[in-house]
Protein backbone atom coordinates (compact mmCIF):
# COMPACT_ATOMS: atom_id res chain seq x y z
CA MET A 1 0.00 0.00 0.00
CA GLU A 2 2.97 2.30 0.31
CA GLU A 3 3.49 2.24 -3.46
CA ASN A 4 -0.15 2.23 -4.60
CA ASN A 5 -3.36 3.89 -3.47
CA TYR A 6 -6.42 1.67 -3.25
CA ASP A 7 -10.03 2.79 -3.05
CA VAL A 8 -11.37 -0.27 -1.22
CA VAL A 9 -9.79 -2.99 0.91
CA LEU A 10 -11.61 -6.25 1.71
CA MET A 11 -9.90 -7.01 5.02
CA ASP A 12 -9.86 -10.58 6.29
CA ILE A 13 -9.80 -10.48 10.09
CA GLN A 14 -7.93 -13.76 10.63
CA MET A 15 -4.72 -13.71 8.63
CA PRO A 16 -1.57 -15.69 9.51
CA GLU A 17 1.10 -13.04 10.14
CA ILE A 18 -0.84 -9.91 11.04
CA ASP A 19 -4.56 -9.92 11.77
CA GLY A 20 -7.00 -7.58 10.09
CA LEU A 21 -7.30 -5.37 13.17
CA GLU A 22 -3.56 -4.75 13.26
CA ALA A 23 -3.41 -4.24 9.49
CA THR A 24 -6.24 -1.70 9.67
CA ALA A 25 -4.50 0.19 12.49
CA ALA A 26 -1.33 0.36 10.37
CA ILE A 27 -3.27 1.64 7.36
CA ARG A 28 -5.13 4.25 9.42
CA ALA A 29 -1.86 5.48 10.95
CA ARG A 30 -0.56 6.51 7.51
CA THR A 31 -1.20 9.85 5.84
CA TRP A 32 -1.81 8.65 2.27
CA PRO A 33 -5.35 8.68 0.89
CA GLN A 34 -7.34 6.36 3.10
CA PRO A 35 -9.18 3.40 1.56
CA PHE A 36 -12.69 2.28 2.47
CA ILE A 37 -12.06 -0.85 4.54
CA ILE A 38 -14.64 -3.62 4.66
CA ALA A 39 -14.08 -6.27 7.34
CA MET A 40 -14.65 -9.83 6.19
CA THR A 41 -14.90 -12.47 8.88
CA ALA A 42 -16.54 -15.73 9.83
CA ASN A 43 -17.18 -14.20 13.27
CA ALA A 44 -20.81 -13.11 13.14
CA MET A 45 -21.47 -11.96 16.69
CA PRO A 46 -22.61 -8.33 17.19
CA GLU A 47 -19.55 -7.59 19.32
CA ASP A 48 -17.29 -8.72 16.45
CA LYS A 49 -18.77 -6.02 14.23
CA ASP A 50 -18.26 -3.43 16.97
CA ILE A 51 -14.61 -4.47 17.39
CA CYS A 52 -13.98 -4.09 13.65
CA LEU A 53 -15.64 -0.69 13.44
CA ARG A 54 -13.77 0.56 16.53
CA ALA A 55 -10.52 -0.63 14.93
CA GLY A 56 -11.13 1.78 12.05
CA MET A 57 -12.89 -0.33 9.47
CA ASP A 58 -15.71 1.38 7.62
CA GLU A 59 -18.04 -1.58 7.21
CA TYR A 60 -18.42 -5.25 8.10
CA LEU A 61 -19.45 -8.42 6.26
CA SER A 62 -19.69 -11.85 7.82
CA LYS A 63 -18.87 -14.94 5.80
CA PRO A 64 -20.43 -16.55 3.96
CA MET A 65 -21.62 -13.34 2.39
CA LYS A 66 -24.36 -12.54 -0.04
CA LEU A 67 -23.36 -10.93 -3.31
CA GLU A 68 -26.00 -8.22 -2.95
CA ASP A 69 -24.54 -7.24 0.46
CA LEU A 70 -21.05 -6.87 -1.01
CA VAL A 71 -22.37 -4.90 -3.98
CA ALA A 72 -24.28 -2.57 -1.63
CA LEU A 73 -21.13 -1.87 0.38
CA LEU A 74 -19.07 -1.29 -2.75
CA LYS A 75 -21.69 1.20 -3.95
CA LYS A 76 -21.54 2.92 -0.56
CA ALA A 77 -17.75 3.08 -0.84
CA GLU A 78 -18.00 4.50 -4.34
CA SER A 79 -20.39 7.18 -3.15
CA LEU A 80 -18.11 8.21 -0.30
CA ILE A 81 -15.00 8.15 -2.48
CA LEU A 82 -16.64 10.34 -5.13
CA ASN A 83 -18.22 12.62 -2.49
CA PRO A 84 -15.79 12.73 0.46
CA LEU A 85 -17.86 15.39 2.26
CA LEU A 86 -20.53 12.72 2.88
CA LYS A 87 -18.18 10.79 5.17
């Protein structure tokens, strides 16, 4: 991410070397244009969503996901990227 700017990141919460919460914190600590981060996790408890949002993620999807839910979040991201004052 240091060499490229991305509009959207689909962030897996359980990754082997660094988890999604740590990765999000590292991204949010940078000054480059911030991506819209969507948490993706098999953890579907309400507190899991709260943890992800408090960590700096913009939205949350639990796996398995529905295509229409992902599309809706990508449209939301597009809207916020094109109209940053809405954020």
